[in-house]
Amino acid sequence: MNVSDEQLIAKSVQYSAGGFIENFEREYGTSLLSVVSLNGLTFKNLKDSVVLHKMGGGALPFKVGAWEQTREVRGSLVSIGVYKKYR
């Protein structure tokens, strides 16, 4: 399924709010990760595409290991980033 980063962000909010994280990951082939702090953040053992929700808002890192940010929505309550693994 070819889904845009903007659609992944919108659907991740919908699925996360409803508590259907496993359904999101299965349907879109993308990991969904929610964190409060970026300390020790790793995407190890996650899919090649990751949607990150950082509670509390603020800036997100451009790279996390082998994953690079392709889209970010920054807010004061939550920031959301889409990351794709590069080879």
PDB file of N, CA and C in Angstrom:
ATOM      1  N   MET A   1       0.847  -1.177   0.000  1.00  0.00           N
ATOM      2  CA  MET A   1       0.000   0.000   0.000  1.00  0.00           C
ATOM      3  C   MET A   1       0.891   1.238   0.000  1.00  0.00           C
ATOM      4  N   ASN A   2       0.659   2.104  -0.959  1.00  0.00           N
ATOM      5  CA  ASN A   2       1.447   3.328  -1.067  1.00  0.00           C
ATOM      6  C   ASN A   2       0.673   4.474  -0.411  1.00  0.00           C
ATOM      7  N   VAL A   3       1.143   4.902   0.749  1.00  0.00           N
ATOM      8  CA  VAL A   3       0.466   5.929   1.537  1.00  0.00           C
ATOM      9  C   VAL A   3       1.427   7.093   1.747  1.00  0.00           C
ATOM     10  N   SER A   4       0.929   8.313   1.612  1.00  0.00           N
ATOM     11  CA  SER A   4       1.781   9.493   1.794  1.00  0.00           C
ATOM     12  C   SER A   4       2.118   9.677   3.278  1.00  0.00           C
ATOM     13  N   ASP A   5       3.160  10.440   3.531  1.00  0.00           N
ATOM     14  CA  ASP A   5       3.559  10.737   4.912  1.00  0.00           C
ATOM     15  C   ASP A   5       2.437  11.457   5.657  1.00  0.00           C
ATOM     16  N   GLU A   6       1.749  12.351   4.978  1.00  0.00           N
ATOM     17  CA  GLU A   6       0.653  13.094   5.608  1.00  0.00           C
ATOM     18  C   GLU A   6      -0.479  12.156   6.021  1.00  0.00           C
ATOM     19  N   GLN A   7      -0.773  11.158   5.175  1.00  0.00           N
ATOM     20  CA  GLN A   7      -1.804  10.181   5.517  1.00  0.00           C
ATOM     21  C   GLN A   7      -1.360   9.313   6.688  1.00  0.00           C
ATOM     22  N   LEU A   8      -0.084   8.943   6.715  1.00  0.00           N
ATOM     23  CA  LEU A   8       0.428   8.151   7.844  1.00  0.00           C
ATOM     24  C   LEU A   8       0.286   8.933   9.149  1.00  0.00           C
ATOM     25  N   ILE A   9       0.581  10.219   9.115  1.00  0.00           N
ATOM     26  CA  ILE A   9       0.455  11.051  10.315  1.00  0.00           C
ATOM     27  C   ILE A   9      -0.998  11.095  10.770  1.00  0.00           C
ATOM     28  N   ALA A  10      -1.901  11.369   9.854  1.00  0.00           N
ATOM     29  CA  ALA A  10      -3.321  11.462  10.207  1.00  0.00           C
ATOM     30  C   ALA A  10      -3.848  10.138  10.746  1.00  0.00           C
ATOM     31  N   LYS A  11      -3.536   9.048  10.069  1.00  0.00           N
ATOM     32  CA  LYS A  11      -4.024   7.737  10.506  1.00  0.00           C
ATOM     33  C   LYS A  11      -3.383   7.319  11.825  1.00  0.00           C
ATOM     34  N   SER A  12      -2.109   7.692  12.047  1.00  0.00           N
ATOM     35  CA  SER A  12      -1.448   7.318  13.298  1.00  0.00           C
ATOM     36  C   SER A  12      -2.131   7.971  14.490  1.00  0.00           C
ATOM     37  N   VAL A  13      -2.588   9.212  14.317  1.00  0.00           N
ATOM     38  CA  VAL A  13      -3.306   9.905  15.388  1.00  0.00           C
ATOM     39  C   VAL A  13      -4.626   9.192  15.654  1.00  0.00           C
ATOM     40  N   GLN A  14      -5.335   8.858  14.598  1.00  0.00           N
ATOM     41  CA  GLN A  14      -6.623   8.183  14.726  1.00  0.00           C
ATOM     42  C   GLN A  14      -6.472   6.825  15.413  1.00  0.00           C
ATOM     43  N   TYR A  15      -5.547   6.008  14.961  1.00  0.00           N
ATOM     44  CA  TYR A  15      -5.361   4.676  15.522  1.00  0.00           C
ATOM     45  C   TYR A  15      -4.814   4.733  16.947  1.00  0.00           C
ATOM     46  N   SER A  16      -3.906   5.656  17.212  1.00  0.00           N
ATOM     47  CA  SER A  16      -3.335   5.795  18.553  1.00  0.00           C
ATOM     48  C   SER A  16      -4.396   6.225  19.562  1.00  0.00           C
ATOM     49  N   ALA A  17      -5.218   7.188  19.185  1.00  0.00           N
ATOM     50  CA  ALA A  17      -6.271   7.672  20.078  1.00  0.00           C
ATOM     51  C   ALA A  17      -7.277   6.578  20.390  1.00  0.00           C
ATOM     52  N   GLY A  18      -7.502   5.692  19.420  1.00  0.00           N
ATOM     53  CA  GLY A  18      -8.446   4.596  19.625  1.00  0.00           C
ATOM     54  C   GLY A  18      -7.826   3.375  20.262  1.00  0.00           C
ATOM     55  N   GLY A  19      -6.501   3.379  20.449  1.00  0.00           N
ATOM     56  CA  GLY A  19      -5.810   2.243  21.062  1.00  0.00           C
ATOM     57  C   GLY A  19      -5.613   1.070  20.114  1.00  0.00           C
ATOM     58  N   PHE A  20      -5.567   1.354  18.815  1.00  0.00           N
ATOM     59  CA  PHE A  20      -5.439   0.297  17.817  1.00  0.00           C
ATOM     60  C   PHE A  20      -4.068   0.317  17.142  1.00  0.00           C
ATOM     61  N   ILE A  21      -3.018   0.414  17.944  1.00  0.00           N
ATOM     62  CA  ILE A  21      -1.663   0.522  17.411  1.00  0.00           C
ATOM     63  C   ILE A  21      -1.286  -0.699  16.578  1.00  0.00           C
ATOM     64  N   GLU A  22      -1.628  -1.897  17.045  1.00  0.00           N
ATOM     65  CA  GLU A  22      -1.301  -3.118  16.306  1.00  0.00           C
ATOM     66  C   GLU A  22      -1.987  -3.127  14.946  1.00  0.00           C
ATOM     67  N   ASN A  23      -3.226  -2.643  14.881  1.00  0.00           N
ATOM     68  CA  ASN A  23      -3.947  -2.571  13.609  1.00  0.00           C
ATOM     69  C   ASN A  23      -3.267  -1.608  12.644  1.00  0.00           C
ATOM     70  N   PHE A  24      -2.787  -0.472  13.159  1.00  0.00           N
ATOM     71  CA  PHE A  24      -2.071   0.507  12.334  1.00  0.00           C
ATOM     72  C   PHE A  24      -0.835  -0.144  11.733  1.00  0.00           C
ATOM     73  N   GLU A  25      -0.052  -0.822  12.573  1.00  0.00           N
ATOM     74  CA  GLU A  25       1.185  -1.432  12.113  1.00  0.00           C
ATOM     75  C   GLU A  25       0.917  -2.514  11.075  1.00  0.00           C
ATOM     76  N   ARG A  26      -0.128  -3.289  11.267  1.00  0.00           N
ATOM     77  CA  ARG A  26      -0.466  -4.351  10.320  1.00  0.00           C
ATOM     78  C   ARG A  26      -0.998  -3.764   9.000  1.00  0.00           C
ATOM     79  N   GLU A  27      -1.881  -2.792   9.091  1.00  0.00           N
ATOM     80  CA  GLU A  27      -2.520  -2.231   7.894  1.00  0.00           C
ATOM     81  C   GLU A  27      -1.570  -1.401   7.039  1.00  0.00           C
ATOM     82  N   TYR A  28      -0.684  -0.631   7.678  1.00  0.00           N
ATOM     83  CA  TYR A  28       0.182   0.277   6.934  1.00  0.00           C
ATOM     84  C   TYR A  28       1.637  -0.185   6.845  1.00  0.00           C
ATOM     85  N   GLY A  29       1.991  -1.290   7.493  1.00  0.00           N
ATOM     86  CA  GLY A  29       3.360  -1.787   7.442  1.00  0.00           C
ATOM     87  C   GLY A  29       4.361  -0.820   8.034  1.00  0.00           C
ATOM     88  N   THR A  30       3.889  -0.033   9.002  1.00  0.00           N
ATOM     89  CA  THR A  30       4.696   1.025   9.616  1.00  0.00           C
ATOM     90  C   THR A  30       4.605   0.897  11.130  1.00  0.00           C
ATOM     91  N   SER A  31       5.743   0.997  11.812  1.00  0.00           N
ATOM     92  CA  SER A  31       5.736   0.960  13.272  1.00  0.00           C
ATOM     93  C   SER A  31       5.222   2.287  13.815  1.00  0.00           C
ATOM     94  N   LEU A  32       4.538   2.230  14.945  1.00  0.00           N
ATOM     95  CA  LEU A  32       4.033   3.424  15.619  1.00  0.00           C
ATOM     96  C   LEU A  32       4.601   3.432  17.029  1.00  0.00           C
ATOM     97  N   LEU A  33       5.340   4.493  17.354  1.00  0.00           N
ATOM     98  CA  LEU A  33       6.029   4.591  18.638  1.00  0.00           C
ATOM     99  C   LEU A  33       5.666   5.904  19.310  1.00  0.00           C
ATOM    100  N   SER A  34       5.213   5.833  20.563  1.00  0.00           N
ATOM    101  CA  SER A  34       4.920   7.030  21.358  1.00  0.00           C
ATOM    102  C   SER A  34       5.911   7.110  22.504  1.00  0.00           C
ATOM    103  N   VAL A  35       6.523   8.296  22.671  1.00  0.00           N
ATOM    104  CA  VAL A  35       7.512   8.489  23.735  1.00  0.00           C
ATOM    105  C   VAL A  35       7.250   9.812  24.443  1.00  0.00           C
ATOM    106  N   VAL A  36       7.731   9.903  25.676  1.00  0.00           N
ATOM    107  CA  VAL A  36       7.659  11.139  26.445  1.00  0.00           C
ATOM    108  C   VAL A  36       8.996  11.866  26.376  1.00  0.00           C
ATOM    109  N   SER A  37      10.071  11.087  26.264  1.00  0.00           N
ATOM    110  CA  SER A  37      11.420  11.643  26.231  1.00  0.00           C
ATOM    111  C   SER A  37      12.185  11.055  25.051  1.00  0.00           C
ATOM    112  N   LEU A  38      13.100  11.832  24.496  1.00  0.00           N
ATOM    113  CA  LEU A  38      13.930  11.354  23.393  1.00  0.00           C
ATOM    114  C   LEU A  38      15.219  10.702  23.876  1.00  0.00           C
ATOM    115  N   ASN A  39      15.487  10.744  25.181  1.00  0.00           N
ATOM    116  CA  ASN A  39      16.689  10.125  25.739  1.00  0.00           C
ATOM    117  C   ASN A  39      16.692   8.635  25.452  1.00  0.00           C
ATOM    118  N   GLY A  40      17.750   8.165  24.835  1.00  0.00           N
ATOM    119  CA  GLY A  40      17.897   6.740  24.542  1.00  0.00           C
ATOM    120  C   GLY A  40      16.980   6.235  23.438  1.00  0.00           C
ATOM    121  N   LEU A  41      16.430   7.142  22.639  1.00  0.00           N
ATOM    122  CA  LEU A  41      15.519   6.756  21.561  1.00  0.00           C
ATOM    123  C   LEU A  41      16.224   5.870  20.545  1.00  0.00           C
ATOM    124  N   THR A  42      15.604   4.754  20.216  1.00  0.00           N
ATOM    125  CA  THR A  42      16.125   3.850  19.203  1.00  0.00           C
ATOM    126  C   THR A  42      14.960   3.228  18.453  1.00  0.00           C
ATOM    127  N   PHE A  43      15.182   2.957  17.176  1.00  0.00           N
ATOM    128  CA  PHE A  43      14.178   2.289  16.355  1.00  0.00           C
ATOM    129  C   PHE A  43      14.596   0.848  16.077  1.00  0.00           C
ATOM    130  N   LYS A  44      15.583   0.362  16.809  1.00  0.00           N
ATOM    131  CA  LYS A  44      16.082  -0.993  16.624  1.00  0.00           C
ATOM    132  C   LYS A  44      14.919  -1.976  16.732  1.00  0.00           C
ATOM    133  N   ASN A  45      14.875  -2.939  15.842  1.00  0.00           N
ATOM    134  CA  ASN A  45      13.847  -3.980  15.781  1.00  0.00           C
ATOM    135  C   ASN A  45      12.480  -3.456  15.348  1.00  0.00           C
ATOM    136  N   LEU A  46      12.430  -2.260  14.768  1.00  0.00           N
ATOM    137  CA  LEU A  46      11.181  -1.736  14.232  1.00  0.00           C
ATOM    138  C   LEU A  46      11.185  -1.879  12.710  1.00  0.00           C
ATOM    139  N   LYS A  47      10.052  -1.602  12.093  1.00  0.00           N
ATOM    140  CA  LYS A  47       9.914  -1.717  10.644  1.00  0.00           C
ATOM    141  C   LYS A  47      10.741  -0.638   9.937  1.00  0.00           C
ATOM    142  N   ASP A  48      10.831  -0.738   8.606  1.00  0.00           N
ATOM    143  CA  ASP A  48      11.618   0.219   7.824  1.00  0.00           C
ATOM    144  C   ASP A  48      10.994   1.616   7.802  1.00  0.00           C
ATOM    145  N   SER A  49       9.734   1.712   8.194  1.00  0.00           N
ATOM    146  CA  SER A  49       9.025   2.985   8.271  1.00  0.00           C
ATOM    147  C   SER A  49       8.455   3.115   9.684  1.00  0.00           C
ATOM    148  N   VAL A  50       8.665   4.284  10.304  1.00  0.00           N
ATOM    149  CA  VAL A  50       8.245   4.497  11.690  1.00  0.00           C
ATOM    150  C   VAL A  50       7.552   5.852  11.802  1.00  0.00           C
ATOM    151  N   VAL A  51       6.429   5.873  12.532  1.00  0.00           N
ATOM    152  CA  VAL A  51       5.789   7.139  12.902  1.00  0.00           C
ATOM    153  C   VAL A  51       6.050   7.323  14.391  1.00  0.00           C
ATOM    154  N   LEU A  52       6.665   8.445  14.742  1.00  0.00           N
ATOM    155  CA  LEU A  52       7.025   8.745  16.129  1.00  0.00           C
ATOM    156  C   LEU A  52       6.115   9.834  16.669  1.00  0.00           C
ATOM    157  N   HIS A  53       5.482   9.565  17.804  1.00  0.00           N
ATOM    158  CA  HIS A  53       4.704  10.570  18.526  1.00  0.00           C
ATOM    159  C   HIS A  53       5.504  10.945  19.768  1.00  0.00           C
ATOM    160  N   LYS A  54       5.901  12.221  19.891  1.00  0.00           N
ATOM    161  CA  LYS A  54       6.598  12.687  21.086  1.00  0.00           C
ATOM    162  C   LYS A  54       5.621  13.526  21.896  1.00  0.00           C
ATOM    163  N   MET A  55       5.218  12.972  23.028  1.00  0.00           N
ATOM    164  CA  MET A  55       4.293  13.678  23.905  1.00  0.00           C
ATOM    165  C   MET A  55       5.008  14.870  24.533  1.00  0.00           C
ATOM    166  N   GLY A  56       4.323  15.972  24.640  1.00  0.00           N
ATOM    167  CA  GLY A  56       4.925  17.187  25.173  1.00  0.00           C
ATOM    168  C   GLY A  56       5.437  18.106  24.089  1.00  0.00           C
ATOM    169  N   GLY A  57       5.361  17.650  22.831  1.00  0.00           N
ATOM    170  CA  GLY A  57       5.761  18.481  21.702  1.00  0.00           C
ATOM    171  C   GLY A  57       7.246  18.743  21.643  1.00  0.00           C
ATOM    172  N   GLY A  58       7.612  19.715  20.829  1.00  0.00           N
ATOM    173  CA  GLY A  58       9.016  20.087  20.677  1.00  0.00           C
ATOM    174  C   GLY A  58       9.634  19.489  19.433  1.00  0.00           C
ATOM    175  N   ALA A  59      10.908  19.761  19.270  1.00  0.00           N
ATOM    176  CA  ALA A  59      11.646  19.321  18.090  1.00  0.00           C
ATOM    177  C   ALA A  59      11.925  17.827  18.137  1.00  0.00           C
ATOM    178  N   LEU A  60      12.008  17.233  16.953  1.00  0.00           N
ATOM    179  CA  LEU A  60      12.347  15.819  16.807  1.00  0.00           C
ATOM    180  C   LEU A  60      13.696  15.705  16.106  1.00  0.00           C
ATOM    181  N   PRO A  61      14.423  14.623  16.349  1.00  0.00           N
ATOM    182  CA  PRO A  61      15.715  14.456  15.671  1.00  0.00           C
ATOM    183  C   PRO A  61      15.519  14.176  14.188  1.00  0.00           C
ATOM    184  N   PHE A  62      16.471  14.634  13.368  1.00  0.00           N
ATOM    185  CA  PHE A  62      16.401  14.385  11.938  1.00  0.00           C
ATOM    186  C   PHE A  62      16.721  12.928  11.612  1.00  0.00           C
ATOM    187  N   LYS A  63      17.653  12.338  12.380  1.00  0.00           N
ATOM    188  CA  LYS A  63      18.044  10.940  12.186  1.00  0.00           C
ATOM    189  C   LYS A  63      17.963  10.188  13.507  1.00  0.00           C
ATOM    190  N   VAL A  64      17.549   8.940  13.405  1.00  0.00           N
ATOM    191  CA  VAL A  64      17.581   8.018  14.543  1.00  0.00           C
ATOM    192  C   VAL A  64      18.189   6.732  14.008  1.00  0.00           C
ATOM    193  N   GLY A  65      19.462   6.521  14.284  1.00  0.00           N
ATOM    194  CA  GLY A  65      20.157   5.361  13.736  1.00  0.00           C
ATOM    195  C   GLY A  65      20.158   5.416  12.221  1.00  0.00           C
ATOM    196  N   ALA A  66      19.619   4.368  11.582  1.00  0.00           N
ATOM    197  CA  ALA A  66      19.576   4.289  10.121  1.00  0.00           C
ATOM    198  C   ALA A  66      18.285   4.870   9.548  1.00  0.00           C
ATOM    199  N   TRP A  67      17.453   5.479  10.379  1.00  0.00           N
ATOM    200  CA  TRP A  67      16.189   6.057   9.926  1.00  0.00           C
ATOM    201  C   TRP A  67      16.335   7.573   9.799  1.00  0.00           C
ATOM    202  N   GLU A  68      15.791   8.114   8.717  1.00  0.00           N
ATOM    203  CA  GLU A  68      15.868   9.546   8.448  1.00  0.00           C
ATOM    204  C   GLU A  68      14.457  10.119   8.362  1.00  0.00           C
ATOM    205  N   GLN A  69      14.273  11.295   8.946  1.00  0.00           N
ATOM    206  CA  GLN A  69      12.957  11.921   8.964  1.00  0.00           C
ATOM    207  C   GLN A  69      12.562  12.405   7.566  1.00  0.00           C
ATOM    208  N   THR A  70      11.321  12.073   7.171  1.00  0.00           N
ATOM    209  CA  THR A  70      10.820  12.531   5.880  1.00  0.00           C
ATOM    210  C   THR A  70       9.705  13.562   6.041  1.00  0.00           C
ATOM    211  N   ARG A  71       9.103  13.634   7.219  1.00  0.00           N
ATOM    212  CA  ARG A  71       8.027  14.610   7.467  1.00  0.00           C
ATOM    213  C   ARG A  71       7.891  14.820   8.963  1.00  0.00           C
ATOM    214  N   GLU A  72       7.623  16.064   9.363  1.00  0.00           N
ATOM    215  CA  GLU A  72       7.449  16.391  10.781  1.00  0.00           C
ATOM    216  C   GLU A  72       6.307  17.382  10.936  1.00  0.00           C
ATOM    217  N   VAL A  73       5.505  17.157  11.957  1.00  0.00           N
ATOM    218  CA  VAL A  73       4.475  18.110  12.367  1.00  0.00           C
ATOM    219  C   VAL A  73       4.778  18.423  13.823  1.00  0.00           C
ATOM    220  N   ARG A  74       5.170  19.663  14.091  1.00  0.00           N
ATOM    221  CA  ARG A  74       5.606  20.056  15.428  1.00  0.00           C
ATOM    222  C   ARG A  74       4.476  20.795  16.133  1.00  0.00           C
ATOM    223  N   GLY A  75       4.182  20.364  17.340  1.00  0.00           N
ATOM    224  CA  GLY A  75       3.139  21.008  18.119  1.00  0.00           C
ATOM    225  C   GLY A  75       3.588  21.251  19.545  1.00  0.00           C
ATOM    226  N   SER A  76       2.735  21.898  20.328  1.00  0.00           N
ATOM    227  CA  SER A  76       3.078  22.172  21.721  1.00  0.00           C
ATOM    228  C   SER A  76       2.658  21.026  22.635  1.00  0.00           C
ATOM    229  N   LEU A  77       1.689  20.215  22.216  1.00  0.00           N
ATOM    230  CA  LEU A  77       1.269  19.068  23.022  1.00  0.00           C
ATOM    231  C   LEU A  77       1.844  17.756  22.515  1.00  0.00           C
ATOM    232  N   VAL A  78       1.994  17.643  21.214  1.00  0.00           N
ATOM    233  CA  VAL A  78       2.581  16.437  20.613  1.00  0.00           C
ATOM    234  C   VAL A  78       3.245  16.824  19.294  1.00  0.00           C
ATOM    235  N   SER A  79       4.393  16.224  19.038  1.00  0.00           N
ATOM    236  CA  SER A  79       5.065  16.364  17.744  1.00  0.00           C
ATOM    237  C   SER A  79       5.093  14.989  17.113  1.00  0.00           C
ATOM    238  N   ILE A  80       4.901  14.961  15.797  1.00  0.00           N
ATOM    239  CA  ILE A  80       4.833  13.685  15.085  1.00  0.00           C
ATOM    240  C   ILE A  80       5.819  13.725  13.932  1.00  0.00           C
ATOM    241  N   GLY A  81       6.595  12.651  13.795  1.00  0.00           N
ATOM    242  CA  GLY A  81       7.539  12.550  12.709  1.00  0.00           C
ATOM    243  C   GLY A  81       7.407  11.224  11.994  1.00  0.00           C
ATOM    244  N   VAL A  82       7.644  11.251  10.689  1.00  0.00           N
ATOM    245  CA  VAL A  82       7.678  10.027   9.884  1.00  0.00           C
ATOM    246  C   VAL A  82       9.139   9.790   9.520  1.00  0.00           C
ATOM    247  N   TYR A  83       9.605   8.574   9.761  1.00  0.00           N
ATOM    248  CA  TYR A  83      10.992   8.222   9.503  1.00  0.00           C
ATOM    249  C   TYR A  83      11.030   7.013   8.570  1.00  0.00           C
ATOM    250  N   LYS A  84      11.964   7.037   7.613  1.00  0.00           N
ATOM    251  CA  LYS A  84      12.164   5.916   6.692  1.00  0.00           C
ATOM    252  C   LYS A  84      13.607   5.449   6.816  1.00  0.00           C
ATOM    253  N   LYS A  85      13.779   4.149   6.816  1.00  0.00           N
ATOM    254  CA  LYS A  85      15.112   3.586   6.904  1.00  0.00           C
ATOM    255  C   LYS A  85      15.820   3.752   5.570  1.00  0.00           C
ATOM    256  N   TYR A  86      17.012   4.283   5.605  1.00  0.00           N
ATOM    257  CA  TYR A  86      17.787   4.415   4.385  1.00  0.00           C
ATOM    258  C   TYR A  86      18.852   3.354   4.358  1.00  0.00           C
ATOM    259  N   ARG A  87      19.273   3.020   3.186  1.00  0.00           N
ATOM    260  CA  ARG A  87      20.227   1.912   3.037  1.00  0.00           C
ATOM    261  C   ARG A  87      21.570   2.428   2.605  1.00  0.00           C
TER     262      ARG A  87
END
